[in-house]
C-alpha atoms as a PDB file:
ATOM      1  CA  UNK A   1       0.474   0.206  -0.086  1.00  0.00           C
ATOM      2  CA  UNK A   2       1.114   3.441  -0.995  1.00  0.00           C
ATOM      3  CA  UNK A   3       1.355   6.092   1.593  1.00  0.00           C
ATOM      4  CA  UNK A   4       1.468   9.990   1.951  1.00  0.00           C
ATOM      5  CA  UNK A   5       3.611  10.644   4.533  1.00  0.00           C
ATOM      6  CA  UNK A   6       3.379  14.320   6.667  1.00  0.00           C
ATOM      7  CA  UNK A   7       4.417  15.796  10.106  1.00  0.00           C
ATOM      8  CA  UNK A   8       2.398  17.033  12.571  1.00  0.00           C
ATOM      9  CA  UNK A   9       4.631  19.072  15.251  1.00  0.00           C
ATOM     10  CA  UNK A  10       7.807  16.672  15.211  1.00  0.00           C
ATOM     11  CA  UNK A  11       6.119  13.122  14.354  1.00  0.00           C
ATOM     12  CA  UNK A  12       5.371  11.639  11.105  1.00  0.00           C
ATOM     13  CA  UNK A  13       1.933  10.276   9.755  1.00  0.00           C
ATOM     14  CA  UNK A  14       0.449   8.904   6.901  1.00  0.00           C
ATOM     15  CA  UNK A  15      -2.698   8.427   5.036  1.00  0.00           C
ATOM     16  CA  UNK A  16      -3.103   5.961   2.276  1.00  0.00           C
ATOM     17  CA  UNK A  17      -2.297   7.642  -0.726  1.00  0.00           C
ATOM     18  CA  UNK A  18      -5.721   5.872  -2.390  1.00  0.00           C
ATOM     19  CA  UNK A  19      -7.700   8.395  -0.422  1.00  0.00           C
ATOM     20  CA  UNK A  20      -5.734  11.456  -1.291  1.00  0.00           C
ATOM     21  CA  UNK A  21      -7.502  13.503  -3.883  1.00  0.00           C
ATOM     22  CA  UNK A  22      -5.229  16.966  -4.165  1.00  0.00           C
ATOM     23  CA  UNK A  23      -2.555  18.403  -2.291  1.00  0.00           C
ATOM     24  CA  UNK A  24      -3.105  22.105  -1.872  1.00  0.00           C
ATOM     25  CA  UNK A  25      -1.236  25.411  -0.053  1.00  0.00           C
ATOM     26  CA  UNK A  26      -3.117  26.448   3.037  1.00  0.00           C
ATOM     27  CA  UNK A  27      -6.340  27.647   2.607  1.00  0.00           C
ATOM     28  CA  UNK A  28      -8.579  30.211   4.466  1.00  0.00           C
ATOM     29  CA  UNK A  29     -11.398  28.525   5.805  1.00  0.00           C
ATOM     30  CA  UNK A  30     -15.267  30.199   6.804  1.00  0.00           C
ATOM     31  CA  UNK A  31     -15.269  29.304  10.465  1.00  0.00           C
ATOM     32  CA  UNK A  32     -18.364  27.452  11.847  1.00  0.00           C
ATOM     33  CA  UNK A  33     -19.313  28.920  15.049  1.00  0.00           C
ATOM     34  CA  UNK A  34     -19.561  26.251  18.176  1.00  0.00           C
ATOM     35  CA  UNK A  35     -17.556  23.582  16.499  1.00  0.00           C
ATOM     36  CA  UNK A  36     -14.743  21.560  18.172  1.00  0.00           C
ATOM     37  CA  UNK A  37     -11.582  23.633  18.214  1.00  0.00           C
ATOM     38  CA  UNK A  38     -10.151  20.437  15.469  1.00  0.00           C
ATOM     39  CA  UNK A  39     -12.668  21.635  12.938  1.00  0.00           C
ATOM     40  CA  UNK A  40     -10.728  24.822  11.535  1.00  0.00           C
ATOM     41  CA  UNK A  41     -13.947  25.433   9.263  1.00  0.00           C
ATOM     42  CA  UNK A  42     -15.037  24.807   6.101  1.00  0.00           C
ATOM     43  CA  UNK A  43     -13.674  25.954   2.516  1.00  0.00           C
ATOM     44  CA  UNK A  44     -14.406  25.610  -1.538  1.00  0.00           C
ATOM     45  CA  UNK A  45     -12.921  22.622  -3.040  1.00  0.00           C
ATOM     46  CA  UNK A  46     -13.857  22.474  -6.912  1.00  0.00           C
ATOM     47  CA  UNK A  47     -17.411  23.432  -6.254  1.00  0.00           C
ATOM     48  CA  UNK A  48     -18.125  21.569  -3.141  1.00  0.00           C
ATOM     49  CA  UNK A  49     -17.928  22.859   0.312  1.00  0.00           C
ATOM     50  CA  UNK A  50     -15.316  20.811   2.575  1.00  0.00           C
ATOM     51  CA  UNK A  51     -14.759  20.650   6.168  1.00  0.00           C
ATOM     52  CA  UNK A  52     -11.150  21.065   7.057  1.00  0.00           C
ATOM     53  CA  UNK A  53      -9.832  19.877   9.997  1.00  0.00           C
ATOM     54  CA  UNK A  54      -6.774  20.631  11.987  1.00  0.00           C
ATOM     55  CA  UNK A  55      -4.493  17.754  12.668  1.00  0.00           C
ATOM     56  CA  UNK A  56      -2.303  19.607  15.013  1.00  0.00           C
ATOM     57  CA  UNK A  57      -5.663  19.393  17.584  1.00  0.00           C
ATOM     58  CA  UNK A  58      -6.265  16.022  17.209  1.00  0.00           C
ATOM     59  CA  UNK A  59      -2.722  14.621  17.352  1.00  0.00           C
ATOM     60  CA  UNK A  60      -0.543  17.366  19.690  1.00  0.00           C
ATOM     61  CA  UNK A  61      -3.275  19.211  21.423  1.00  0.00           C
ATOM     62  CA  UNK A  62      -2.469  22.614  19.762  1.00  0.00           C
ATOM     63  CA  UNK A  63      -3.214  24.109  16.309  1.00  0.00           C
ATOM     64  CA  UNK A  64      -0.789  23.615  13.638  1.00  0.00           C
ATOM     65  CA  UNK A  65       1.985  25.974  13.183  1.00  0.00           C
ATOM     66  CA  UNK A  66       1.092  27.866   9.792  1.00  0.00           C
ATOM     67  CA  UNK A  67       4.461  27.990   7.954  1.00  0.00           C
ATOM     68  CA  UNK A  68       4.862  28.113   4.030  1.00  0.00           C
ATOM     69  CA  UNK A  69       5.192  24.590   4.410  1.00  0.00           C
ATOM     70  CA  UNK A  70       1.554  23.770   5.729  1.00  0.00           C
ATOM     71  CA  UNK A  71      -0.787  22.063   3.506  1.00  0.00           C
ATOM     72  CA  UNK A  72      -4.207  20.801   3.055  1.00  0.00           C
ATOM     73  CA  UNK A  73      -4.551  16.950   2.236  1.00  0.00           C
ATOM     74  CA  UNK A  74      -7.937  16.626   0.501  1.00  0.00           C
ATOM     75  CA  UNK A  75      -9.062  13.021   1.011  1.00  0.00           C
ATOM     76  CA  UNK A  76     -12.154  11.236   0.107  1.00  0.00           C
ATOM     77  CA  UNK A  77     -13.683   8.014   1.249  1.00  0.00           C
ATOM     78  CA  UNK A  78     -17.114   6.601   1.581  1.00  0.00           C
ATOM     79  CA  UNK A  79     -19.276   6.446   4.490  1.00  0.00           C
ATOM     80  CA  UNK A  80     -20.049   3.653   6.527  1.00  0.00           C
ATOM     81  CA  UNK A  81     -23.270   2.036   7.020  1.00  0.00           C
ATOM     82  CA  UNK A  82     -26.132   0.761   4.264  1.00  0.00           C
ATOM     83  CA  UNK A  83     -24.413   0.475   1.174  1.00  0.00           C
ATOM     84  CA  UNK A  84     -27.518   1.889  -0.822  1.00  0.00           C
ATOM     85  CA  UNK A  85     -27.002   5.079   1.313  1.00  0.00           C
ATOM     86  CA  UNK A  86     -23.489   5.179   0.855  1.00  0.00           C
ATOM     87  CA  UNK A  87     -21.936   8.549   0.152  1.00  0.00           C
ATOM     88  CA  UNK A  88     -18.821  10.182  -0.849  1.00  0.00           C
ATOM     89  CA  UNK A  89     -17.079  12.141   1.689  1.00  0.00           C
ATOM     90  CA  UNK A  90     -14.678  14.794   1.050  1.00  0.00           C
ATOM     91  CA  UNK A  91     -12.045  16.506   3.892  1.00  0.00           C
ATOM     92  CA  UNK A  92      -9.530  18.392   4.222  1.00  0.00           C
ATOM     93  CA  UNK A  93      -6.636  17.872   6.554  1.00  0.00           C
ATOM     94  CA  UNK A  94      -3.977  20.209   7.695  1.00  0.00           C
ATOM     95  CA  UNK A  95      -0.385  18.895   7.743  1.00  0.00           C
ATOM     96  CA  UNK A  96       2.715  21.292   8.823  1.00  0.00           C
ATOM     97  CA  UNK A  97       4.856  19.704   5.964  1.00  0.00           C
ATOM     98  CA  UNK A  98       4.059  17.068   3.526  1.00  0.00           C
ATOM     99  CA  UNK A  99       7.328  14.854   3.003  1.00  0.00           C
ATOM    100  CA  UNK A 100       7.189  11.705   0.304  1.00  0.00           C
ATOM    101  CA  UNK A 101       5.261   8.957  -0.745  1.00  0.00           C
ATOM    102  CA  UNK A 102       6.092   5.188   0.824  1.00  0.00           C
ATOM    103  CA  UNK A 103       4.946   1.961   0.539  1.00  0.00           C
ATOM    104  CA  UNK A 104       4.087  -0.336   3.657  1.00  0.00           C
ATOM    105  CA  UNK A 105       6.049  -2.955   1.774  1.00  0.00           C
ATOM    106  CA  UNK A 106       9.096  -1.091   2.778  1.00  0.00           C
ATOM    107  CA  UNK A 107       8.623  -0.773   6.262  1.00  0.00           C
ATOM    108  CA  UNK A 108      11.087  -3.009   8.803  1.00  0.00           C
ATOM    109  CA  UNK A 109       8.455  -3.569  11.211  1.00  0.00           C
ATOM    110  CA  UNK A 110       5.052  -2.736  11.912  1.00  0.00           C
ATOM    111  CA  UNK A 111       2.732  -2.316  15.112  1.00  0.00           C
ATOM    112  CA  UNK A 112      -0.846  -3.037  15.035  1.00  0.00           C
ATOM    113  CA  UNK A 113      -3.310  -0.243  15.314  1.00  0.00           C
ATOM    114  CA  UNK A 114      -4.977  -0.487  18.827  1.00  0.00           C
ATOM    115  CA  UNK A 115      -7.795   1.856  18.247  1.00  0.00           C
ATOM    116  CA  UNK A 116      -8.278   3.575  21.620  1.00  0.00           C
ATOM    117  CA  UNK A 117     -11.708   5.284  22.338  1.00  0.00           C
ATOM    118  CA  UNK A 118     -10.321   8.628  22.187  1.00  0.00           C
ATOM    119  CA  UNK A 119      -8.631   8.617  19.045  1.00  0.00           C
ATOM    120  CA  UNK A 120     -10.076   5.788  16.607  1.00  0.00           C
ATOM    121  CA  UNK A 121      -8.243   6.942  13.850  1.00  0.00           C
ATOM    122  CA  UNK A 122      -4.715   6.123  15.026  1.00  0.00           C
ATOM    123  CA  UNK A 123      -3.957   3.383  12.816  1.00  0.00           C
ATOM    124  CA  UNK A 124      -0.407   1.018  12.621  1.00  0.00           C
ATOM    125  CA  UNK A 125       2.508   2.074  13.273  1.00  0.00           C
ATOM    126  CA  UNK A 126       5.441   1.220  10.645  1.00  0.00           C
ATOM    127  CA  UNK A 127       9.146   1.727  11.237  1.00  0.00           C
ATOM    128  CA  UNK A 128      11.393   2.816   8.448  1.00  0.00           C
ATOM    129  CA  UNK A 129      15.252   2.595   9.476  1.00  0.00           C
ATOM    130  CA  UNK A 130      15.172   5.030  12.431  1.00  0.00           C
ATOM    131  CA  UNK A 131      11.701   6.804  11.234  1.00  0.00           C
ATOM    132  CA  UNK A 132       8.505   5.897  12.522  1.00  0.00           C
ATOM    133  CA  UNK A 133       4.924   6.854  11.240  1.00  0.00           C
ATOM    134  CA  UNK A 134       1.797   6.446  12.292  1.00  0.00           C
ATOM    135  CA  UNK A 135      -0.859   5.233   9.346  1.00  0.00           C
ATOM    136  CA  UNK A 136      -4.244   7.470  10.179  1.00  0.00           C
ATOM    137  CA  UNK A 137      -7.640   6.277   9.229  1.00  0.00           C
ATOM    138  CA  UNK A 138      -9.554   9.034   7.432  1.00  0.00           C
ATOM    139  CA  UNK A 139     -12.894   7.695   7.726  1.00  0.00           C
ATOM    140  CA  UNK A 140     -12.526   8.030  11.566  1.00  0.00           C
ATOM    141  CA  UNK A 141     -10.935  11.732  11.791  1.00  0.00           C
ATOM    142  CA  UNK A 142     -14.555  13.096  13.046  1.00  0.00           C
ATOM    143  CA  UNK A 143     -16.868  11.931  15.544  1.00  0.00           C
ATOM    144  CA  UNK A 144     -19.617   9.711  12.916  1.00  0.00           C
ATOM    145  CA  UNK A 145     -22.312  12.391  14.402  1.00  0.00           C
ATOM    146  CA  UNK A 146     -20.081  15.627  13.571  1.00  0.00           C
ATOM    147  CA  UNK A 147     -19.316  14.013  10.236  1.00  0.00           C
ATOM    148  CA  UNK A 148     -22.783  13.678   9.331  1.00  0.00           C
ATOM    149  CA  UNK A 149     -23.903  16.962  10.621  1.00  0.00           C
ATOM    150  CA  UNK A 150     -20.726  18.981   8.587  1.00  0.00           C
ATOM    151  CA  UNK A 151     -21.396  16.603   5.589  1.00  0.00           C
ATOM    152  CA  UNK A 152     -25.341  17.265   5.546  1.00  0.00           C
ATOM    153  CA  UNK A 153     -25.415  21.188   6.262  1.00  0.00           C
ATOM    154  CA  UNK A 154     -22.320  21.779   3.683  1.00  0.00           C
ATOM    155  CA  UNK A 155     -24.498  20.456   1.166  1.00  0.00           C
ATOM    156  CA  UNK A 156     -27.859  21.533   2.387  1.00  0.00           C
ATOM    157  CA  UNK A 157     -26.423  25.241   2.556  1.00  0.00           C
ATOM    158  CA  UNK A 158     -25.358  25.399  -1.096  1.00  0.00           C
ATOM    159  CA  UNK A 159     -27.992  23.324  -2.772  1.00  0.00           C
ATOM    160  CA  UNK A 160     -24.998  21.190  -4.060  1.00  0.00           C
ATOM    161  CA  UNK A 161     -26.273  17.618  -3.857  1.00  0.00           C
ATOM    162  CA  UNK A 162     -24.048  15.044  -2.263  1.00  0.00           C
ATOM    163  CA  UNK A 163     -22.078  13.063  -4.286  1.00  0.00           C
ATOM    164  CA  UNK A 164     -22.556   9.582  -4.197  1.00  0.00           C
ATOM    165  CA  UNK A 165     -20.268   8.586  -7.045  1.00  0.00           C
END
């Protein structure tokens, strides 16, 4: 499996490259009142409103440092649940620096995911020489109720139908 690796603070993380749609320079989102701190707001990506998640809050308990190297990784995945009502969900996730593509087959060791209740998005940890990279499960970055509210609200407020492809 191919991974896109990036940093948050001093740590390396990765997302499956098959989930990545595009890597963008830092965008200025429109804030949404009363959202958790890790939801920076929404932005428009190719005509669609997309929630923006600050991985700094989720992984390091503080906002990301905004630098010239800060990027938004646009990811896409299918919602869980009833296959008839599945929809495609798009999220933007902020990372401090996008590093490289790597392959899980090149890893020298792997620690399985532990799925802590407070952080279900934390996946396996891989070792590449002196580097360790933790894989993030993008499907679990937001609690399901919040994901549903953000996706439904974004599509309803713009009149844009939810993408079902």
